[in-house]
Protein backbone atom coordinates (compact mmCIF):
# COMPACT_ATOMS: atom_id res chain seq x y z
CA UNK A 1 36.48 -1.62 -9.85
CA UNK A 2 34.85 1.85 -9.82
CA UNK A 3 35.86 3.95 -6.89
CA UNK A 4 34.20 7.00 -5.43
CA UNK A 5 36.89 8.35 -3.10
CA UNK A 6 40.21 6.71 -2.44
CA UNK A 7 39.69 2.98 -2.12
CA UNK A 8 35.99 3.06 -1.12
CA UNK A 9 33.92 1.19 -3.75
CA UNK A 10 30.85 2.80 -5.23
CA UNK A 11 27.79 1.05 -3.81
CA UNK A 12 25.07 0.64 -6.41
CA UNK A 13 21.56 0.75 -4.95
CA UNK A 14 19.36 -2.26 -5.51
CA UNK A 15 16.86 -1.37 -8.25
CA UNK A 16 13.44 -0.52 -6.86
CA UNK A 17 11.66 -3.43 -8.57
CA UNK A 18 14.28 -6.17 -8.18
CA UNK A 19 12.56 -9.49 -7.35
CA UNK A 20 13.07 -10.36 -3.71
CA UNK A 21 14.05 -6.82 -2.76
CA UNK A 22 12.72 -5.00 0.27
CA UNK A 23 10.97 -2.64 -2.17
CA UNK A 24 9.17 -5.50 -3.88
CA UNK A 25 8.00 -6.77 -0.51
CA UNK A 26 6.85 -3.29 0.53
CA UNK A 27 4.90 -2.76 -2.69
CA UNK A 28 3.24 -6.19 -2.47
CA UNK A 29 1.98 -5.44 1.03
CA UNK A 30 1.15 -1.76 0.59
CA UNK A 31 -2.61 -2.13 1.04
CA UNK A 32 -2.21 -4.35 4.10
CA UNK A 33 -0.17 -1.52 5.60
CA UNK A 34 -2.64 1.19 4.59
CA UNK A 35 -5.56 -0.86 5.93
CA UNK A 36 -3.75 -1.62 9.22
CA UNK A 37 -3.94 -5.36 8.52
CA UNK A 38 -0.28 -6.18 9.20
CA UNK A 39 1.26 -7.89 12.18
CA UNK A 40 3.06 -5.31 14.36
CA UNK A 41 6.54 -6.55 13.37
CA UNK A 42 5.67 -6.37 9.65
CA UNK A 43 4.21 -2.90 10.11
CA UNK A 44 7.41 -1.80 11.83
CA UNK A 45 9.48 -3.27 8.98
CA UNK A 46 7.34 -1.39 6.43
CA UNK A 47 7.61 1.87 8.36
CA UNK A 48 11.39 1.52 8.63
CA UNK A 49 11.70 0.77 4.92
CA UNK A 50 9.60 3.68 3.63
CA UNK A 51 11.42 6.05 6.01
CA UNK A 52 14.58 5.43 3.97
CA UNK A 53 13.20 4.65 0.50
CA UNK A 54 11.90 7.61 -1.48
CA UNK A 55 10.26 5.58 -4.30
CA UNK A 56 8.33 3.40 -1.84
CA UNK A 57 7.35 6.42 0.26
CA UNK A 58 6.07 8.15 -2.88
CA UNK A 59 4.07 5.06 -3.87
CA UNK A 60 2.65 4.78 -0.35
CA UNK A 61 1.67 8.46 -0.41
CA UNK A 62 -0.08 8.15 -3.78
CA UNK A 63 -1.99 5.03 -2.76
CA UNK A 64 -2.99 6.61 0.55
CA UNK A 65 -4.26 9.68 -1.29
CA UNK A 66 -6.30 7.53 -3.70
CA UNK A 67 -7.74 5.60 -0.77
CA UNK A 68 -8.75 8.83 0.97
CA UNK A 69 -10.36 10.19 -2.21
CA UNK A 70 -12.37 7.01 -2.73
CA UNK A 71 -13.47 7.03 0.89
CA UNK A 72 -14.56 10.65 0.65
CA UNK A 73 -16.38 10.00 -2.64
CA UNK A 74 -18.24 7.02 -1.21
CA UNK A 75 -19.67 8.85 1.77
CA UNK A 76 -23.13 9.20 0.22
CA UNK A 77 -25.85 6.76 1.22
CA UNK A 78 -27.86 4.97 -1.42
CA UNK A 79 -31.52 5.98 -1.65
CA UNK A 80 -33.68 4.02 0.78
CA UNK A 81 -35.64 2.30 -2.01
CA UNK A 82 -32.41 0.99 -3.54
CA UNK A 83 -31.16 -0.17 -0.15
CA UNK A 84 -34.41 -2.08 0.43
CA UNK A 85 -34.18 -3.75 -3.00
CA UNK A 86 -30.60 -4.81 -2.33
CA UNK A 87 -31.48 -6.21 1.11
CA UNK A 88 -34.40 -8.11 -0.40
CA UNK A 89 -32.16 -9.62 -3.11
CA UNK A 90 -29.59 -10.64 -0.51
CA UNK A 91 -32.32 -12.28 1.59
CA UNK A 92 -33.65 -14.16 -1.46
CA UNK A 93 -30.14 -15.32 -2.46
CA UNK A 94 -29.44 -16.50 1.08
CA UNK A 95 -32.44 -18.84 1.03
């Protein structure tokens, strides 16, 4: 048995991508968290996890940045003629 100090065993962290780990759960539900689509208790669980898990916090930060960049890039409105064509096609398809 490896020992760190005295008779205290060395505690190996659970690998970040271990199936069933808290990290795996956090990564699977990252976009639900970013989009505020989680139940309050799940959101609290996610917040508590990323507060203590650097790899998940880093992943969350990167995904949030990408989401913000996409949102900022998509702020332009389509030309009115294109918008009218799209609305017309939607109306035709709905019939």
